[in-house]
Every structure is written in C-alpha cells, then in structure tokens.
Amino acid sequence: MRALAADRAYEGDETRQLVLELGLEPVIPPKRHRLNPWEYDRECYKKRNQIERLFRRLKSFRRIFSRFEKLDVMFAAFIQFAFIADSLIYIN
C-alpha cells in the first residue's frame, strides 16, 4: 500500500478517513492529547523531512520559485536540471 506522510496538523479524523478512502496509508503521528492514539510507520515519517529539505533546495533555483518558464515542458525540464545539479552538489 502506498503511504501519504503528513505532519500533526493533518491528523484529524476526517483527513485520515479521506486518505484511507483514496487507498493510501496515512503516516500521520497523532497529537499527544489523543485518548486512543494509533500506530504509524515511524521510519516512513522520518523520510518526510528529507523530502521537505529537497523542496527547500529546489526553491533556491530562482527560475523554479518564480516560474519564469511559461511552457510546462520547459518548467519540467528545468526541474530535472535542478535535480541533477542538486545531486551533484550533495554527492559527498
């Protein structure tokens, strides 16, 4: 089953039910005041931080955050270029 990781702000019952109806596994930690907290995949939740850091690094490319490219294909190509540049910088 595919997972959807989110932070505690989205831990409401309605949100979790919607994720389940979409056929995804919610990886959302319960808030501390929950009477019946649920189990979640902690290792998968830790990977959410890596994804957020990747988006932060992608936003450092001015062409991406300001959307200079008007054609979708050019925008997608520049995102791929940014991924390549990012992987070259963070290889070591």
N, C-alpha and C. Protein backbone atom coordinates (compact mmCIF):
# COMPACT_ATOMS: atom_id res chain seq x y z
N MET A 1 0.85 -1.18 0.00
CA MET A 1 0.00 0.00 0.00
C MET A 1 0.89 1.24 0.00
N ARG A 2 0.53 2.23 -0.76
CA ARG A 2 1.28 3.47 -0.82
C ARG A 2 0.94 4.34 0.38
N ALA A 3 1.92 5.09 0.82
CA ALA A 3 1.76 5.89 2.04
C ALA A 3 1.66 7.37 1.70
N LEU A 4 0.96 8.11 2.55
CA LEU A 4 0.89 9.56 2.48
C LEU A 4 1.36 10.09 3.82
N ALA A 5 2.53 10.73 3.82
CA ALA A 5 3.09 11.27 5.06
C ALA A 5 2.68 12.72 5.23
N ALA A 6 2.25 13.07 6.42
CA ALA A 6 1.86 14.44 6.74
C ALA A 6 2.20 14.71 8.19
N ASP A 7 2.25 15.99 8.54
CA ASP A 7 2.58 16.31 9.94
C ASP A 7 1.32 16.31 10.80
N ARG A 8 1.51 16.61 12.06
CA ARG A 8 0.41 16.52 13.02
C ARG A 8 -0.74 17.48 12.74
N ALA A 9 -0.50 18.52 11.98
CA ALA A 9 -1.58 19.46 11.68
C ALA A 9 -2.71 18.79 10.88
N TYR A 10 -2.41 17.69 10.21
CA TYR A 10 -3.40 16.99 9.39
C TYR A 10 -3.86 15.69 10.02
N GLU A 11 -3.80 15.57 11.33
CA GLU A 11 -4.11 14.31 11.98
C GLU A 11 -5.59 14.16 12.32
N GLY A 12 -6.44 15.04 11.84
CA GLY A 12 -7.86 14.95 12.14
C GLY A 12 -8.49 13.67 11.59
N ASP A 13 -9.57 13.24 12.22
CA ASP A 13 -10.24 12.01 11.82
C ASP A 13 -10.75 12.09 10.38
N GLU A 14 -11.27 13.25 9.98
CA GLU A 14 -11.80 13.39 8.63
C GLU A 14 -10.69 13.26 7.59
N THR A 15 -9.55 13.86 7.87
CA THR A 15 -8.42 13.80 6.94
C THR A 15 -7.90 12.37 6.83
N ARG A 16 -7.76 11.71 7.95
CA ARG A 16 -7.29 10.32 7.92
C ARG A 16 -8.27 9.43 7.17
N GLN A 17 -9.56 9.65 7.36
CA GLN A 17 -10.56 8.84 6.66
C GLN A 17 -10.50 9.09 5.16
N LEU A 18 -10.30 10.32 4.73
CA LEU A 18 -10.19 10.64 3.31
C LEU A 18 -8.98 9.94 2.70
N VAL A 19 -7.86 9.94 3.40
CA VAL A 19 -6.66 9.27 2.91
C VAL A 19 -6.91 7.78 2.76
N LEU A 20 -7.60 7.18 3.72
CA LEU A 20 -7.92 5.75 3.63
C LEU A 20 -8.86 5.46 2.46
N GLU A 21 -9.83 6.35 2.22
CA GLU A 21 -10.77 6.16 1.11
C GLU A 21 -10.06 6.26 -0.23
N LEU A 22 -8.98 7.02 -0.29
CA LEU A 22 -8.20 7.14 -1.53
C LEU A 22 -7.28 5.95 -1.74
N GLY A 23 -7.28 5.02 -0.81
CA GLY A 23 -6.47 3.83 -0.94
C GLY A 23 -5.03 4.01 -0.52
N LEU A 24 -4.77 4.99 0.31
CA LEU A 24 -3.42 5.26 0.79
C LEU A 24 -3.34 4.97 2.28
N GLU A 25 -2.13 4.73 2.74
CA GLU A 25 -1.92 4.52 4.17
C GLU A 25 -1.51 5.85 4.80
N PRO A 26 -2.27 6.37 5.75
CA PRO A 26 -1.87 7.64 6.38
C PRO A 26 -0.70 7.43 7.34
N VAL A 27 0.37 8.17 7.11
CA VAL A 27 1.53 8.15 8.00
C VAL A 27 1.55 9.51 8.69
N ILE A 28 0.68 9.63 9.67
CA ILE A 28 0.48 10.89 10.39
C ILE A 28 0.54 10.59 11.87
N PRO A 29 1.47 11.19 12.60
CA PRO A 29 1.52 10.92 14.04
C PRO A 29 0.34 11.58 14.75
N PRO A 30 -0.21 10.90 15.75
CA PRO A 30 -1.32 11.51 16.50
C PRO A 30 -0.81 12.60 17.44
N LYS A 31 -1.69 13.54 17.72
CA LYS A 31 -1.33 14.57 18.69
C LYS A 31 -1.25 13.93 20.07
N ARG A 32 -0.53 14.58 20.95
CA ARG A 32 -0.25 13.99 22.25
C ARG A 32 -1.51 13.87 23.13
N HIS A 33 -2.51 14.68 22.90
CA HIS A 33 -3.69 14.66 23.75
C HIS A 33 -4.74 13.64 23.29
N ARG A 34 -4.47 12.86 22.26
CA ARG A 34 -5.41 11.84 21.78
C ARG A 34 -5.63 10.77 22.83
N LEU A 35 -6.88 10.40 23.05
CA LEU A 35 -7.19 9.35 24.02
C LEU A 35 -6.82 7.97 23.47
N ASN A 36 -7.06 7.76 22.18
CA ASN A 36 -6.74 6.48 21.54
C ASN A 36 -5.76 6.73 20.39
N PRO A 37 -4.49 6.91 20.69
CA PRO A 37 -3.53 7.15 19.60
C PRO A 37 -3.35 5.90 18.75
N TRP A 38 -3.01 6.09 17.48
CA TRP A 38 -2.83 4.99 16.55
C TRP A 38 -1.34 4.80 16.27
N GLU A 39 -1.03 3.65 15.73
CA GLU A 39 0.34 3.35 15.34
C GLU A 39 0.56 3.88 13.92
N TYR A 40 1.78 4.30 13.64
CA TYR A 40 2.14 4.76 12.31
C TYR A 40 3.58 4.35 12.04
N ASP A 41 3.94 4.32 10.78
CA ASP A 41 5.28 3.90 10.37
C ASP A 41 6.28 5.03 10.65
N ARG A 42 7.02 4.90 11.71
CA ARG A 42 7.95 5.95 12.13
C ARG A 42 9.09 6.15 11.13
N GLU A 43 9.57 5.07 10.53
CA GLU A 43 10.66 5.18 9.56
C GLU A 43 10.20 5.94 8.31
N CYS A 44 8.99 5.67 7.87
CA CYS A 44 8.45 6.39 6.70
C CYS A 44 8.25 7.86 7.05
N TYR A 45 7.82 8.14 8.27
CA TYR A 45 7.60 9.53 8.67
C TYR A 45 8.91 10.31 8.71
N LYS A 46 10.01 9.65 9.08
CA LYS A 46 11.31 10.33 9.11
C LYS A 46 11.76 10.76 7.72
N LYS A 47 11.34 10.02 6.69
CA LYS A 47 11.71 10.37 5.31
C LYS A 47 11.01 11.64 4.84
N ARG A 48 9.92 12.01 5.48
CA ARG A 48 9.19 13.23 5.12
C ARG A 48 10.10 14.45 5.23
N ASN A 49 10.98 14.46 6.23
CA ASN A 49 11.91 15.57 6.43
C ASN A 49 12.87 15.70 5.25
N GLN A 50 13.32 14.58 4.71
CA GLN A 50 14.22 14.62 3.56
C GLN A 50 13.54 15.24 2.35
N ILE A 51 12.27 14.94 2.16
CA ILE A 51 11.52 15.50 1.04
C ILE A 51 11.34 17.00 1.22
N GLU A 52 11.03 17.44 2.44
CA GLU A 52 10.88 18.87 2.68
C GLU A 52 12.19 19.62 2.45
N ARG A 53 13.32 19.02 2.84
CA ARG A 53 14.61 19.66 2.60
C ARG A 53 14.92 19.73 1.11
N LEU A 54 14.52 18.70 0.34
CA LEU A 54 14.72 18.73 -1.11
C LEU A 54 13.94 19.88 -1.73
N PHE A 55 12.69 20.08 -1.33
CA PHE A 55 11.91 21.19 -1.88
C PHE A 55 12.52 22.54 -1.50
N ARG A 56 13.08 22.65 -0.30
CA ARG A 56 13.73 23.89 0.09
C ARG A 56 14.93 24.17 -0.81
N ARG A 57 15.71 23.14 -1.12
CA ARG A 57 16.86 23.33 -2.00
C ARG A 57 16.42 23.66 -3.42
N LEU A 58 15.31 23.07 -3.88
CA LEU A 58 14.83 23.38 -5.23
C LEU A 58 14.36 24.83 -5.33
N LYS A 59 13.83 25.36 -4.24
CA LYS A 59 13.38 26.75 -4.25
C LYS A 59 14.54 27.73 -4.34
N SER A 60 15.76 27.25 -4.12
CA SER A 60 16.91 28.15 -4.26
C SER A 60 17.19 28.46 -5.73
N PHE A 61 16.62 27.68 -6.64
CA PHE A 61 16.72 27.99 -8.07
C PHE A 61 15.65 29.02 -8.40
N ARG A 62 16.08 30.20 -8.74
CA ARG A 62 15.15 31.32 -8.94
C ARG A 62 14.11 31.04 -10.02
N ARG A 63 14.51 30.34 -11.07
CA ARG A 63 13.59 30.07 -12.17
C ARG A 63 12.44 29.16 -11.73
N ILE A 64 12.66 28.37 -10.70
CA ILE A 64 11.60 27.47 -10.25
C ILE A 64 10.60 28.21 -9.38
N PHE A 65 11.09 28.93 -8.36
CA PHE A 65 10.13 29.55 -7.44
C PHE A 65 9.39 30.72 -8.07
N SER A 66 9.98 31.39 -9.06
CA SER A 66 9.27 32.49 -9.70
C SER A 66 8.57 32.10 -10.99
N ARG A 67 8.75 30.83 -11.41
CA ARG A 67 8.07 30.27 -12.58
C ARG A 67 8.27 31.13 -13.83
N PHE A 68 9.56 31.33 -14.17
CA PHE A 68 9.88 32.09 -15.38
C PHE A 68 9.42 31.35 -16.63
N GLU A 69 9.54 30.04 -16.62
CA GLU A 69 9.17 29.26 -17.80
C GLU A 69 7.65 29.16 -17.89
N LYS A 70 7.10 29.57 -19.00
CA LYS A 70 5.64 29.53 -19.17
C LYS A 70 5.15 28.21 -19.74
N LEU A 71 5.99 27.51 -20.50
CA LEU A 71 5.61 26.21 -21.04
C LEU A 71 5.87 25.13 -20.00
N ASP A 72 4.90 24.25 -19.83
CA ASP A 72 5.04 23.18 -18.84
C ASP A 72 6.24 22.30 -19.13
N VAL A 73 6.50 22.03 -20.40
CA VAL A 73 7.60 21.15 -20.74
C VAL A 73 8.94 21.79 -20.38
N MET A 74 9.07 23.09 -20.54
CA MET A 74 10.31 23.78 -20.18
C MET A 74 10.45 23.84 -18.65
N PHE A 75 9.35 24.05 -17.95
CA PHE A 75 9.40 24.07 -16.49
C PHE A 75 9.82 22.71 -15.96
N ALA A 76 9.26 21.64 -16.52
CA ALA A 76 9.62 20.28 -16.09
C ALA A 76 11.09 19.99 -16.41
N ALA A 77 11.56 20.48 -17.55
CA ALA A 77 12.97 20.27 -17.91
C ALA A 77 13.88 20.99 -16.94
N PHE A 78 13.51 22.18 -16.52
CA PHE A 78 14.36 22.90 -15.58
C PHE A 78 14.33 22.25 -14.19
N ILE A 79 13.21 21.68 -13.82
CA ILE A 79 13.16 20.96 -12.54
C ILE A 79 14.09 19.75 -12.60
N GLN A 80 14.11 19.05 -13.75
CA GLN A 80 15.04 17.92 -13.89
C GLN A 80 16.48 18.40 -13.82
N PHE A 81 16.76 19.54 -14.44
CA PHE A 81 18.10 20.12 -14.36
C PHE A 81 18.46 20.44 -12.90
N ALA A 82 17.52 20.98 -12.16
CA ALA A 82 17.77 21.32 -10.76
C ALA A 82 18.02 20.06 -9.93
N PHE A 83 17.29 18.97 -10.23
CA PHE A 83 17.54 17.70 -9.54
C PHE A 83 18.95 17.20 -9.81
N ILE A 84 19.39 17.31 -11.07
CA ILE A 84 20.74 16.86 -11.42
C ILE A 84 21.78 17.72 -10.71
N ALA A 85 21.60 19.03 -10.76
CA ALA A 85 22.55 19.92 -10.09
C ALA A 85 22.57 19.66 -8.59
N ASP A 86 21.42 19.43 -8.00
CA ASP A 86 21.33 19.15 -6.57
C ASP A 86 22.05 17.84 -6.22
N SER A 87 21.86 16.84 -7.05
CA SER A 87 22.52 15.55 -6.75
C SER A 87 24.02 15.66 -6.92
N LEU A 88 24.51 16.49 -7.84
CA LEU A 88 25.95 16.67 -7.99
C LEU A 88 26.55 17.41 -6.82
N ILE A 89 25.81 18.35 -6.28
CA ILE A 89 26.31 19.13 -5.13
C ILE A 89 26.35 18.27 -3.89
N TYR A 90 25.33 17.42 -3.68
CA TYR A 90 25.22 16.68 -2.43
C TYR A 90 25.69 15.24 -2.56
N ILE A 91 26.54 14.94 -3.53
CA ILE A 91 27.07 13.58 -3.66
C ILE A 91 27.97 13.25 -2.47
N ASN A 92 28.80 14.16 -2.04
CA ASN A 92 29.72 13.87 -0.94
C ASN A 92 29.10 14.16 0.37
